[in-house]
């Protein structure tokens, strides 16, 4: 799938997939929300509001209030590609979230997922 198709996907559909992945592994929607808030700087009310209307996934990241500085500590492979090697900035931000949700689904502790010191 081309990057533009990913950027145009509706946030609410992607969000549902992320939550489903976490819940299948015994994690919660609240944990997914916490990860999203940590990564993007959105508040819970803002996030819920965006899930109620059509928001392109790319715009969700482009308009993020405050991308977390510690997101650069996220390393590893997602979809067969090392996230730290992704050159396109917007796709790298999207893959950071994918990687964090993968870690959640694998049972990693929230302190480690959120790169707390």
PDB file of N, CA and C in Angstrom:
ATOM      1  N   UNK A   1       0.854  -1.167   0.000  1.00  0.00           N
ATOM      2  CA  UNK A   1       0.000   0.000   0.000  1.00  0.00           C
ATOM      3  C   UNK A   1       0.904   1.235   0.000  1.00  0.00           C
ATOM      4  N   UNK A   2       0.633   2.171  -0.878  1.00  0.00           N
ATOM      5  CA  UNK A   2       1.413   3.390  -0.972  1.00  0.00           C
ATOM      6  C   UNK A   2       1.219   4.279   0.247  1.00  0.00           C
ATOM      7  N   UNK A   3       2.213   5.126   0.501  1.00  0.00           N
ATOM      8  CA  UNK A   3       2.138   6.000   1.668  1.00  0.00           C
ATOM      9  C   UNK A   3       0.903   6.895   1.641  1.00  0.00           C
ATOM     10  N   UNK A   4       0.555   7.432   0.470  1.00  0.00           N
ATOM     11  CA  UNK A   4      -0.608   8.323   0.396  1.00  0.00           C
ATOM     12  C   UNK A   4      -1.889   7.608   0.803  1.00  0.00           C
ATOM     13  N   UNK A   5      -2.006   6.336   0.449  1.00  0.00           N
ATOM     14  CA  UNK A   5      -3.196   5.578   0.861  1.00  0.00           C
ATOM     15  C   UNK A   5      -3.246   5.448   2.377  1.00  0.00           C
ATOM     16  N   UNK A   6      -2.092   5.216   2.984  1.00  0.00           N
ATOM     17  CA  UNK A   6      -2.030   5.116   4.446  1.00  0.00           C
ATOM     18  C   UNK A   6      -2.423   6.453   5.062  1.00  0.00           C
ATOM     19  N   UNK A   7      -1.879   7.541   4.515  1.00  0.00           N
ATOM     20  CA  UNK A   7      -2.147   8.873   5.068  1.00  0.00           C
ATOM     21  C   UNK A   7      -3.618   9.255   4.946  1.00  0.00           C
ATOM     22  N   UNK A   8      -4.312   8.715   3.953  1.00  0.00           N
ATOM     23  CA  UNK A   8      -5.715   9.054   3.739  1.00  0.00           C
ATOM     24  C   UNK A   8      -6.683   8.141   4.486  1.00  0.00           C
ATOM     25  N   UNK A   9      -6.191   7.066   5.083  1.00  0.00           N
ATOM     26  CA  UNK A   9      -7.058   6.163   5.838  1.00  0.00           C
ATOM     27  C   UNK A   9      -7.709   6.932   6.991  1.00  0.00           C
ATOM     28  N   UNK A  10      -8.927   6.550   7.330  1.00  0.00           N
ATOM     29  CA  UNK A  10      -9.641   7.213   8.409  1.00  0.00           C
ATOM     30  C   UNK A  10      -9.064   6.787   9.764  1.00  0.00           C
ATOM     31  N   UNK A  11      -8.755   7.769  10.593  1.00  0.00           N
ATOM     32  CA  UNK A  11      -8.190   7.504  11.915  1.00  0.00           C
ATOM     33  C   UNK A  11      -9.017   6.504  12.699  1.00  0.00           C
ATOM     34  N   UNK A  12     -10.336   6.634  12.676  1.00  0.00           N
ATOM     35  CA  UNK A  12     -11.175   5.747  13.494  1.00  0.00           C
ATOM     36  C   UNK A  12     -11.032   4.281  13.076  1.00  0.00           C
ATOM     37  N   UNK A  13     -10.820   4.027  11.795  1.00  0.00           N
ATOM     38  CA  UNK A  13     -10.638   2.645  11.335  1.00  0.00           C
ATOM     39  C   UNK A  13      -9.289   2.087  11.791  1.00  0.00           C
ATOM     40  N   UNK A  14      -8.253   2.894  11.684  1.00  0.00           N
ATOM     41  CA  UNK A  14      -6.925   2.456  12.129  1.00  0.00           C
ATOM     42  C   UNK A  14      -6.936   2.253  13.643  1.00  0.00           C
ATOM     43  N   UNK A  15      -7.559   3.174  14.344  1.00  0.00           N
ATOM     44  CA  UNK A  15      -7.650   3.095  15.797  1.00  0.00           C
ATOM     45  C   UNK A  15      -8.313   1.784  16.220  1.00  0.00           C
ATOM     46  N   UNK A  16      -9.406   1.443  15.569  1.00  0.00           N
ATOM     47  CA  UNK A  16     -10.106   0.196  15.906  1.00  0.00           C
ATOM     48  C   UNK A  16      -9.183  -1.010  15.722  1.00  0.00           C
ATOM     49  N   UNK A  17      -8.376  -1.008  14.651  1.00  0.00           N
ATOM     50  CA  UNK A  17      -7.424  -2.106  14.417  1.00  0.00           C
ATOM     51  C   UNK A  17      -6.373  -2.169  15.520  1.00  0.00           C
ATOM     52  N   UNK A  18      -5.893  -1.009  15.952  1.00  0.00           N
ATOM     53  CA  UNK A  18      -4.890  -0.972  17.028  1.00  0.00           C
ATOM     54  C   UNK A  18      -5.480  -1.498  18.331  1.00  0.00           C
ATOM     55  N   UNK A  19      -6.692  -1.074  18.652  1.00  0.00           N
ATOM     56  CA  UNK A  19      -7.348  -1.532  19.878  1.00  0.00           C
ATOM     57  C   UNK A  19      -7.628  -3.027  19.802  1.00  0.00           C
ATOM     58  N   UNK A  20      -8.119  -3.498  18.660  1.00  0.00           N
ATOM     59  CA  UNK A  20      -8.398  -4.936  18.500  1.00  0.00           C
ATOM     60  C   UNK A  20      -7.134  -5.763  18.715  1.00  0.00           C
ATOM     61  N   UNK A  21      -6.027  -5.312  18.162  1.00  0.00           N
ATOM     62  CA  UNK A  21      -4.763  -6.038  18.320  1.00  0.00           C
ATOM     63  C   UNK A  21      -4.385  -6.125  19.794  1.00  0.00           C
ATOM     64  N   UNK A  22      -4.490  -5.014  20.501  1.00  0.00           N
ATOM     65  CA  UNK A  22      -4.151  -4.991  21.921  1.00  0.00           C
ATOM     66  C   UNK A  22      -5.091  -5.886  22.727  1.00  0.00           C
ATOM     67  N   UNK A  23      -6.393  -5.773  22.464  1.00  0.00           N
ATOM     68  CA  UNK A  23      -7.374  -6.538  23.238  1.00  0.00           C
ATOM     69  C   UNK A  23      -7.256  -8.037  23.002  1.00  0.00           C
ATOM     70  N   UNK A  24      -6.886  -8.437  21.793  1.00  0.00           N
ATOM     71  CA  UNK A  24      -6.684  -9.873  21.520  1.00  0.00           C
ATOM     72  C   UNK A  24      -5.589 -10.455  22.404  1.00  0.00           C
ATOM     73  N   UNK A  25      -4.677  -9.604  22.831  1.00  0.00           N
ATOM     74  CA  UNK A  25      -3.564 -10.048  23.672  1.00  0.00           C
ATOM     75  C   UNK A  25      -3.769  -9.703  25.147  1.00  0.00           C
ATOM     76  N   UNK A  26      -5.025  -9.355  25.513  1.00  0.00           N
ATOM     77  CA  UNK A  26      -5.342  -9.117  26.913  1.00  0.00           C
ATOM     78  C   UNK A  26      -5.012  -7.719  27.408  1.00  0.00           C
ATOM     79  N   UNK A  27      -4.731  -6.795  26.514  1.00  0.00           N
ATOM     80  CA  UNK A  27      -4.467  -5.406  26.910  1.00  0.00           C
ATOM     81  C   UNK A  27      -5.736  -4.598  26.701  1.00  0.00           C
ATOM     82  N   UNK A  28      -5.720  -3.321  27.058  1.00  0.00           N
ATOM     83  CA  UNK A  28      -6.950  -2.540  27.058  1.00  0.00           C
ATOM     84  C   UNK A  28      -6.914  -1.341  26.115  1.00  0.00           C
ATOM     85  N   UNK A  29      -8.107  -0.861  25.822  1.00  0.00           N
ATOM     86  CA  UNK A  29      -8.248   0.366  25.025  1.00  0.00           C
ATOM     87  C   UNK A  29      -7.593   1.536  25.757  1.00  0.00           C
ATOM     88  N   UNK A  30      -7.731   1.570  27.070  1.00  0.00           N
ATOM     89  CA  UNK A  30      -7.146   2.644  27.862  1.00  0.00           C
ATOM     90  C   UNK A  30      -5.630   2.682  27.699  1.00  0.00           C
ATOM     91  N   UNK A  31      -5.011   1.510  27.613  1.00  0.00           N
ATOM     92  CA  UNK A  31      -3.558   1.465  27.404  1.00  0.00           C
ATOM     93  C   UNK A  31      -3.192   1.984  26.011  1.00  0.00           C
ATOM     94  N   UNK A  32      -3.985   1.632  25.016  1.00  0.00           N
ATOM     95  CA  UNK A  32      -3.760   2.147  23.661  1.00  0.00           C
ATOM     96  C   UNK A  32      -3.884   3.666  23.668  1.00  0.00           C
ATOM     97  N   UNK A  33      -4.914   4.181  24.327  1.00  0.00           N
ATOM     98  CA  UNK A  33      -5.107   5.630  24.410  1.00  0.00           C
ATOM     99  C   UNK A  33      -3.925   6.302  25.097  1.00  0.00           C
ATOM    100  N   UNK A  34      -3.438   5.699  26.168  1.00  0.00           N
ATOM    101  CA  UNK A  34      -2.293   6.267  26.888  1.00  0.00           C
ATOM    102  C   UNK A  34      -1.069   6.355  25.973  1.00  0.00           C
ATOM    103  N   UNK A  35      -0.842   5.320  25.194  1.00  0.00           N
ATOM    104  CA  UNK A  35       0.281   5.318  24.251  1.00  0.00           C
ATOM    105  C   UNK A  35       0.106   6.419  23.218  1.00  0.00           C
ATOM    106  N   UNK A  36      -1.081   6.536  22.665  1.00  0.00           N
ATOM    107  CA  UNK A  36      -1.344   7.570  21.650  1.00  0.00           C
ATOM    108  C   UNK A  36      -1.143   8.959  22.247  1.00  0.00           C
ATOM    109  N   UNK A  37      -1.660   9.179  23.442  1.00  0.00           N
ATOM    110  CA  UNK A  37      -1.497  10.494  24.092  1.00  0.00           C
ATOM    111  C   UNK A  37      -0.018  10.785  24.343  1.00  0.00           C
ATOM    112  N   UNK A  38       0.715   9.803  24.823  1.00  0.00           N
ATOM    113  CA  UNK A  38       2.148   9.971  25.091  1.00  0.00           C
ATOM    114  C   UNK A  38       2.897  10.336  23.810  1.00  0.00           C
ATOM    115  N   UNK A  39       2.601   9.638  22.739  1.00  0.00           N
ATOM    116  CA  UNK A  39       3.323   9.839  21.484  1.00  0.00           C
ATOM    117  C   UNK A  39       2.983  11.173  20.832  1.00  0.00           C
ATOM    118  N   UNK A  40       1.723  11.560  20.845  1.00  0.00           N
ATOM    119  CA  UNK A  40       1.264  12.693  20.031  1.00  0.00           C
ATOM    120  C   UNK A  40       1.024  13.990  20.793  1.00  0.00           C
ATOM    121  N   UNK A  41       0.767  13.895  22.078  1.00  0.00           N
ATOM    122  CA  UNK A  41       0.450  15.090  22.849  1.00  0.00           C
ATOM    123  C   UNK A  41      -1.028  15.458  22.850  1.00  0.00           C
ATOM    124  N   UNK A  42      -1.858  14.678  22.168  1.00  0.00           N
ATOM    125  CA  UNK A  42      -3.299  14.925  22.222  1.00  0.00           C
ATOM    126  C   UNK A  42      -3.815  14.578  23.609  1.00  0.00           C
ATOM    127  N   UNK A  43      -4.845  15.293  24.056  1.00  0.00           N
ATOM    128  CA  UNK A  43      -5.541  14.931  25.280  1.00  0.00           C
ATOM    129  C   UNK A  43      -6.609  13.891  24.964  1.00  0.00           C
ATOM    130  N   UNK A  44      -7.146  13.267  26.002  1.00  0.00           N
ATOM    131  CA  UNK A  44      -8.156  12.229  25.796  1.00  0.00           C
ATOM    132  C   UNK A  44      -9.396  12.788  25.110  1.00  0.00           C
ATOM    133  N   UNK A  45      -9.821  13.981  25.513  1.00  0.00           N
ATOM    134  CA  UNK A  45     -11.011  14.592  24.907  1.00  0.00           C
ATOM    135  C   UNK A  45     -10.780  14.871  23.428  1.00  0.00           C
ATOM    136  N   UNK A  46      -9.584  15.380  23.090  1.00  0.00           N
ATOM    137  CA  UNK A  46      -9.263  15.641  21.681  1.00  0.00           C
ATOM    138  C   UNK A  46      -9.275  14.345  20.876  1.00  0.00           C
ATOM    139  N   UNK A  47      -8.660  13.313  21.430  1.00  0.00           N
ATOM    140  CA  UNK A  47      -8.601  12.017  20.748  1.00  0.00           C
ATOM    141  C   UNK A  47     -10.009  11.487  20.502  1.00  0.00           C
ATOM    142  N   UNK A  48     -10.837  11.488  21.512  1.00  0.00           N
ATOM    143  CA  UNK A  48     -12.205  10.985  21.361  1.00  0.00           C
ATOM    144  C   UNK A  48     -12.979  11.800  20.330  1.00  0.00           C
ATOM    145  N   UNK A  49     -12.778  13.104  20.308  1.00  0.00           N
ATOM    146  CA  UNK A  49     -13.447  13.956  19.326  1.00  0.00           C
ATOM    147  C   UNK A  49     -13.040  13.609  17.903  1.00  0.00           C
ATOM    148  N   UNK A  50     -11.761  13.342  17.699  1.00  0.00           N
ATOM    149  CA  UNK A  50     -11.297  12.987  16.356  1.00  0.00           C
ATOM    150  C   UNK A  50     -11.809  11.633  15.899  1.00  0.00           C
ATOM    151  N   UNK A  51     -12.085  10.761  16.857  1.00  0.00           N
ATOM    152  CA  UNK A  51     -12.597   9.437  16.501  1.00  0.00           C
ATOM    153  C   UNK A  51     -14.066   9.495  16.092  1.00  0.00           C
ATOM    154  N   UNK A  52     -14.735  10.602  16.379  1.00  0.00           N
ATOM    155  CA  UNK A  52     -16.154  10.754  16.050  1.00  0.00           C
ATOM    156  C   UNK A  52     -16.403  11.387  14.689  1.00  0.00           C
ATOM    157  N   UNK A  53     -15.355  11.856  14.044  1.00  0.00           N
ATOM    158  CA  UNK A  53     -15.511  12.470  12.721  1.00  0.00           C
ATOM    159  C   UNK A  53     -14.397  11.961  11.817  1.00  0.00           C
ATOM    160  N   UNK A  54     -14.564  12.083  10.515  1.00  0.00           N
ATOM    161  CA  UNK A  54     -13.517  11.609   9.612  1.00  0.00           C
ATOM    162  C   UNK A  54     -12.249  12.471   9.726  1.00  0.00           C
ATOM    163  N   UNK A  55     -11.159  11.832  10.104  1.00  0.00           N
ATOM    164  CA  UNK A  55      -9.855  12.493  10.190  1.00  0.00           C
ATOM    165  C   UNK A  55      -8.856  11.603   9.469  1.00  0.00           C
ATOM    166  N   UNK A  56      -8.196  12.110   8.424  1.00  0.00           N
ATOM    167  CA  UNK A  56      -7.175  11.308   7.756  1.00  0.00           C
ATOM    168  C   UNK A  56      -6.025  10.995   8.722  1.00  0.00           C
ATOM    169  N   UNK A  57      -5.556   9.775   8.663  1.00  0.00           N
ATOM    170  CA  UNK A  57      -4.501   9.309   9.567  1.00  0.00           C
ATOM    171  C   UNK A  57      -3.255  10.188   9.469  1.00  0.00           C
ATOM    172  N   UNK A  58      -2.897  10.585   8.271  1.00  0.00           N
ATOM    173  CA  UNK A  58      -1.738  11.459   8.096  1.00  0.00           C
ATOM    174  C   UNK A  58      -1.940  12.792   8.801  1.00  0.00           C
ATOM    175  N   UNK A  59      -3.135  13.364   8.696  1.00  0.00           N
ATOM    176  CA  UNK A  59      -3.419  14.641   9.357  1.00  0.00           C
ATOM    177  C   UNK A  59      -3.365  14.519  10.871  1.00  0.00           C
ATOM    178  N   UNK A  60      -3.766  13.372  11.392  1.00  0.00           N
ATOM    179  CA  UNK A  60      -3.698  13.127  12.825  1.00  0.00           C
ATOM    180  C   UNK A  60      -2.270  13.335  13.325  1.00  0.00           C
ATOM    181  N   UNK A  61      -1.297  12.830  12.592  1.00  0.00           N
ATOM    182  CA  UNK A  61       0.102  12.993  12.992  1.00  0.00           C
ATOM    183  C   UNK A  61       0.645  14.367  12.609  1.00  0.00           C
ATOM    184  N   UNK A  62       0.266  14.868  11.437  1.00  0.00           N
ATOM    185  CA  UNK A  62       0.739  16.196  11.016  1.00  0.00           C
ATOM    186  C   UNK A  62       0.324  17.280  12.009  1.00  0.00           C
ATOM    187  N   UNK A  63      -0.847  17.142  12.589  1.00  0.00           N
ATOM    188  CA  UNK A  63      -1.407  18.157  13.484  1.00  0.00           C
ATOM    189  C   UNK A  63      -1.218  17.834  14.963  1.00  0.00           C
ATOM    190  N   UNK A  64      -0.427  16.822  15.252  1.00  0.00           N
ATOM    191  CA  UNK A  64      -0.213  16.442  16.652  1.00  0.00           C
ATOM    192  C   UNK A  64       0.335  17.634  17.434  1.00  0.00           C
ATOM    193  N   UNK A  65      -0.253  17.922  18.601  1.00  0.00           N
ATOM    194  CA  UNK A  65       0.147  19.101  19.356  1.00  0.00           C
ATOM    195  C   UNK A  65       1.604  19.080  19.819  1.00  0.00           C
ATOM    196  N   UNK A  66       2.085  17.910  20.242  1.00  0.00           N
ATOM    197  CA  UNK A  66       3.442  17.849  20.781  1.00  0.00           C
ATOM    198  C   UNK A  66       3.954  16.416  20.704  1.00  0.00           C
ATOM    199  N   UNK A  67       4.648  16.106  19.617  1.00  0.00           N
ATOM    200  CA  UNK A  67       5.220  14.768  19.492  1.00  0.00           C
ATOM    201  C   UNK A  67       6.265  14.586  20.590  1.00  0.00           C
ATOM    202  N   UNK A  68       6.191  13.470  21.274  1.00  0.00           N
ATOM    203  CA  UNK A  68       7.056  13.224  22.417  1.00  0.00           C
ATOM    204  C   UNK A  68       8.513  13.144  21.982  1.00  0.00           C
ATOM    205  N   UNK A  69       9.345  13.886  22.677  1.00  0.00           N
ATOM    206  CA  UNK A  69      10.778  13.912  22.386  1.00  0.00           C
ATOM    207  C   UNK A  69      11.406  12.515  22.484  1.00  0.00           C
ATOM    208  N   UNK A  70      10.926  11.704  23.429  1.00  0.00           N
ATOM    209  CA  UNK A  70      11.491  10.369  23.639  1.00  0.00           C
ATOM    210  C   UNK A  70      11.079   9.356  22.570  1.00  0.00           C
ATOM    211  N   UNK A  71      10.254   9.761  21.618  1.00  0.00           N
ATOM    212  CA  UNK A  71       9.855   8.820  20.561  1.00  0.00           C
ATOM    213  C   UNK A  71      11.068   8.367  19.759  1.00  0.00           C
ATOM    214  N   UNK A  72      12.110   9.159  19.740  1.00  0.00           N
ATOM    215  CA  UNK A  72      13.334   8.804  18.996  1.00  0.00           C
ATOM    216  C   UNK A  72      14.052   7.608  19.637  1.00  0.00           C
ATOM    217  N   UNK A  73      13.663   7.270  20.856  1.00  0.00           N
ATOM    218  CA  UNK A  73      14.237   6.099  21.529  1.00  0.00           C
ATOM    219  C   UNK A  73      13.590   4.804  21.049  1.00  0.00           C
ATOM    220  N   UNK A  74      12.522   4.906  20.270  1.00  0.00           N
ATOM    221  CA  UNK A  74      11.817   3.727  19.768  1.00  0.00           C
ATOM    222  C   UNK A  74      12.654   3.116  18.648  1.00  0.00           C
ATOM    223  N   UNK A  75      13.034   1.881  18.833  1.00  0.00           N
ATOM    224  CA  UNK A  75      13.861   1.166  17.859  1.00  0.00           C
ATOM    225  C   UNK A  75      13.219  -0.184  17.586  1.00  0.00           C
ATOM    226  N   UNK A  76      13.566  -0.757  16.469  1.00  0.00           N
ATOM    227  CA  UNK A  76      13.097  -2.099  16.167  1.00  0.00           C
ATOM    228  C   UNK A  76      12.423  -2.192  14.817  1.00  0.00           C
ATOM    229  N   UNK A  77      11.909  -3.380  14.546  1.00  0.00           N
ATOM    230  CA  UNK A  77      11.341  -3.693  13.243  1.00  0.00           C
ATOM    231  C   UNK A  77       9.822  -3.749  13.323  1.00  0.00           C
ATOM    232  N   UNK A  78       9.189  -3.117  12.344  1.00  0.00           N
ATOM    233  CA  UNK A  78       7.745  -3.216  12.184  1.00  0.00           C
ATOM    234  C   UNK A  78       7.491  -3.329  10.684  1.00  0.00           C
ATOM    235  N   UNK A  79       6.670  -4.272  10.305  1.00  0.00           N
ATOM    236  CA  UNK A  79       6.386  -4.538   8.884  1.00  0.00           C
ATOM    237  C   UNK A  79       7.677  -4.791   8.101  1.00  0.00           C
ATOM    238  N   UNK A  80       8.637  -5.424   8.736  1.00  0.00           N
ATOM    239  CA  UNK A  80       9.883  -5.788   8.066  1.00  0.00           C
ATOM    240  C   UNK A  80      10.872  -4.653   7.862  1.00  0.00           C
ATOM    241  N   UNK A  81      10.614  -3.501   8.461  1.00  0.00           N
ATOM    242  CA  UNK A  81      11.487  -2.339   8.284  1.00  0.00           C
ATOM    243  C   UNK A  81      11.854  -1.789   9.655  1.00  0.00           C
ATOM    244  N   UNK A  82      13.122  -1.420   9.841  1.00  0.00           N
ATOM    245  CA  UNK A  82      13.553  -0.797  11.085  1.00  0.00           C
ATOM    246  C   UNK A  82      12.973   0.612  11.156  1.00  0.00           C
ATOM    247  N   UNK A  83      12.229   0.907  12.215  1.00  0.00           N
ATOM    248  CA  UNK A  83      11.567   2.206  12.317  1.00  0.00           C
ATOM    249  C   UNK A  83      12.565   3.356  12.314  1.00  0.00           C
ATOM    250  N   UNK A  84      13.706   3.148  12.917  1.00  0.00           N
ATOM    251  CA  UNK A  84      14.694   4.220  12.973  1.00  0.00           C
ATOM    252  C   UNK A  84      15.333   4.515  11.615  1.00  0.00           C
ATOM    253  N   UNK A  85      15.146   3.628  10.644  1.00  0.00           N
ATOM    254  CA  UNK A  85      15.714   3.813   9.308  1.00  0.00           C
ATOM    255  C   UNK A  85      14.718   4.390   8.300  1.00  0.00           C
ATOM    256  N   UNK A  86      13.471   4.584   8.707  1.00  0.00           N
ATOM    257  CA  UNK A  86      12.466   5.122   7.789  1.00  0.00           C
ATOM    258  C   UNK A  86      12.784   6.592   7.537  1.00  0.00           C
ATOM    259  N   UNK A  87      12.996   6.937   6.280  1.00  0.00           N
ATOM    260  CA  UNK A  87      13.424   8.292   5.943  1.00  0.00           C
ATOM    261  C   UNK A  87      12.281   9.296   5.913  1.00  0.00           C
ATOM    262  N   UNK A  88      11.108   8.894   5.454  1.00  0.00           N
ATOM    263  CA  UNK A  88       9.992   9.831   5.364  1.00  0.00           C
ATOM    264  C   UNK A  88       9.452  10.116   6.771  1.00  0.00           C
ATOM    265  N   UNK A  89       9.543  11.367   7.227  1.00  0.00           N
ATOM    266  CA  UNK A  89       9.178  11.689   8.614  1.00  0.00           C
ATOM    267  C   UNK A  89       7.760  11.284   9.016  1.00  0.00           C
ATOM    268  N   UNK A  90       6.770  11.522   8.167  1.00  0.00           N
ATOM    269  CA  UNK A  90       5.393  11.193   8.530  1.00  0.00           C
ATOM    270  C   UNK A  90       5.216   9.683   8.668  1.00  0.00           C
ATOM    271  N   UNK A  91       5.781   8.912   7.766  1.00  0.00           N
ATOM    272  CA  UNK A  91       5.669   7.453   7.875  1.00  0.00           C
ATOM    273  C   UNK A  91       6.409   6.953   9.107  1.00  0.00           C
ATOM    274  N   UNK A  92       7.520   7.570   9.455  1.00  0.00           N
ATOM    275  CA  UNK A  92       8.249   7.167  10.659  1.00  0.00           C
ATOM    276  C   UNK A  92       7.371   7.372  11.890  1.00  0.00           C
ATOM    277  N   UNK A  93       6.649   8.500  11.960  1.00  0.00           N
ATOM    278  CA  UNK A  93       5.757   8.748  13.105  1.00  0.00           C
ATOM    279  C   UNK A  93       4.669   7.674  13.190  1.00  0.00           C
ATOM    280  N   UNK A  94       4.104   7.318  12.054  1.00  0.00           N
ATOM    281  CA  UNK A  94       3.066   6.282  12.015  1.00  0.00           C
ATOM    282  C   UNK A  94       3.633   4.946  12.479  1.00  0.00           C
ATOM    283  N   UNK A  95       4.815   4.617  12.022  1.00  0.00           N
ATOM    284  CA  UNK A  95       5.437   3.336  12.401  1.00  0.00           C
ATOM    285  C   UNK A  95       5.875   3.316  13.858  1.00  0.00           C
ATOM    286  N   UNK A  96       6.193   4.487  14.425  1.00  0.00           N
ATOM    287  CA  UNK A  96       6.470   4.535  15.863  1.00  0.00           C
ATOM    288  C   UNK A  96       5.252   4.028  16.623  1.00  0.00           C
ATOM    289  N   UNK A  97       4.067   4.496  16.248  1.00  0.00           N
ATOM    290  CA  UNK A  97       2.853   4.045  16.930  1.00  0.00           C
ATOM    291  C   UNK A  97       2.645   2.553  16.716  1.00  0.00           C
ATOM    292  N   UNK A  98       2.854   2.078  15.506  1.00  0.00           N
ATOM    293  CA  UNK A  98       2.722   0.640  15.236  1.00  0.00           C
ATOM    294  C   UNK A  98       3.650  -0.165  16.149  1.00  0.00           C
ATOM    295  N   UNK A  99       4.881   0.300  16.288  1.00  0.00           N
ATOM    296  CA  UNK A  99       5.870  -0.406  17.106  1.00  0.00           C
ATOM    297  C   UNK A  99       5.443  -0.422  18.574  1.00  0.00           C
ATOM    298  N   UNK A 100       4.949   0.705  19.069  1.00  0.00           N
ATOM    299  CA  UNK A 100       4.507   0.758  20.468  1.00  0.00           C
ATOM    300  C   UNK A 100       3.334  -0.183  20.720  1.00  0.00           C
ATOM    301  N   UNK A 101       2.406  -0.247  19.788  1.00  0.00           N
ATOM    302  CA  UNK A 101       1.264  -1.157  19.943  1.00  0.00           C
ATOM    303  C   UNK A 101       1.734  -2.611  19.861  1.00  0.00           C
ATOM    304  N   UNK A 102       2.711  -2.897  19.010  1.00  0.00           N
ATOM    305  CA  UNK A 102       3.300  -4.248  18.974  1.00  0.00           C
ATOM    306  C   UNK A 102       3.878  -4.608  20.336  1.00  0.00           C
ATOM    307  N   UNK A 103       4.602  -3.668  20.940  1.00  0.00           N
ATOM    308  CA  UNK A 103       5.203  -3.920  22.259  1.00  0.00           C
ATOM    309  C   UNK A 103       4.107  -4.160  23.306  1.00  0.00           C
ATOM    310  N   UNK A 104       3.048  -3.387  23.241  1.00  0.00           N
ATOM    311  CA  UNK A 104       1.923  -3.577  24.159  1.00  0.00           C
ATOM    312  C   UNK A 104       1.338  -4.969  23.989  1.00  0.00           C
ATOM    313  N   UNK A 105       1.096  -5.363  22.761  1.00  0.00           N
ATOM    314  CA  UNK A 105       0.497  -6.669  22.474  1.00  0.00           C
ATOM    315  C   UNK A 105       1.411  -7.821  22.900  1.00  0.00           C
ATOM    316  N   UNK A 106       2.705  -7.584  22.909  1.00  0.00           N
ATOM    317  CA  UNK A 106       3.647  -8.622  23.340  1.00  0.00           C
ATOM    318  C   UNK A 106       3.805  -8.676  24.852  1.00  0.00           C
ATOM    319  N   UNK A 107       3.085  -7.802  25.561  1.00  0.00           N
ATOM    320  CA  UNK A 107       3.086  -7.880  27.019  1.00  0.00           C
ATOM    321  C   UNK A 107       4.112  -7.011  27.713  1.00  0.00           C
ATOM    322  N   UNK A 108       4.755  -6.140  27.003  1.00  0.00           N
ATOM    323  CA  UNK A 108       5.753  -5.260  27.609  1.00  0.00           C
ATOM    324  C   UNK A 108       5.074  -4.320  28.599  1.00  0.00           C
ATOM    325  N   UNK A 109       5.771  -3.979  29.669  1.00  0.00           N
ATOM    326  CA  UNK A 109       5.245  -3.079  30.695  1.00  0.00           C
ATOM    327  C   UNK A 109       5.112  -1.667  30.138  1.00  0.00           C
ATOM    328  N   UNK A 110       4.077  -0.945  30.585  1.00  0.00           N
ATOM    329  CA  UNK A 110       3.824   0.409  30.087  1.00  0.00           C
ATOM    330  C   UNK A 110       5.006   1.348  30.346  1.00  0.00           C
ATOM    331  N   UNK A 111       5.693   1.231  31.477  1.00  0.00           N
ATOM    332  CA  UNK A 111       6.849   2.091  31.735  1.00  0.00           C
ATOM    333  C   UNK A 111       7.923   1.932  30.655  1.00  0.00           C
ATOM    334  N   UNK A 112       8.113   0.708  30.210  1.00  0.00           N
ATOM    335  CA  UNK A 112       9.109   0.464  29.164  1.00  0.00           C
ATOM    336  C   UNK A 112       8.604   0.945  27.799  1.00  0.00           C
ATOM    337  N   UNK A 113       7.329   0.719  27.531  1.00  0.00           N
ATOM    338  CA  UNK A 113       6.759   1.162  26.253  1.00  0.00           C
ATOM    339  C   UNK A 113       6.861   2.673  26.137  1.00  0.00           C
ATOM    340  N   UNK A 114       6.585   3.388  27.236  1.00  0.00           N
ATOM    341  CA  UNK A 114       6.580   4.841  27.220  1.00  0.00           C
ATOM    342  C   UNK A 114       7.973   5.429  27.486  1.00  0.00           C
ATOM    343  N   UNK A 115       8.974   4.579  27.454  1.00  0.00           N
ATOM    344  CA  UNK A 115      10.381   5.017  27.569  1.00  0.00           C
ATOM    345  C   UNK A 115      10.588   5.911  28.788  1.00  0.00           C
ATOM    346  N   UNK A 116      10.023   5.481  29.927  1.00  0.00           N
ATOM    347  CA  UNK A 116      10.214   6.241  31.164  1.00  0.00           C
ATOM    348  C   UNK A 116      11.574   5.906  31.732  1.00  0.00           C
ATOM    349  N   UNK A 117      12.222   6.932  32.207  1.00  0.00           N
ATOM    350  CA  UNK A 117      13.593   6.779  32.748  1.00  0.00           C
ATOM    351  C   UNK A 117      13.564   6.057  34.079  1.00  0.00           C
TER     352      UNK A 117
END
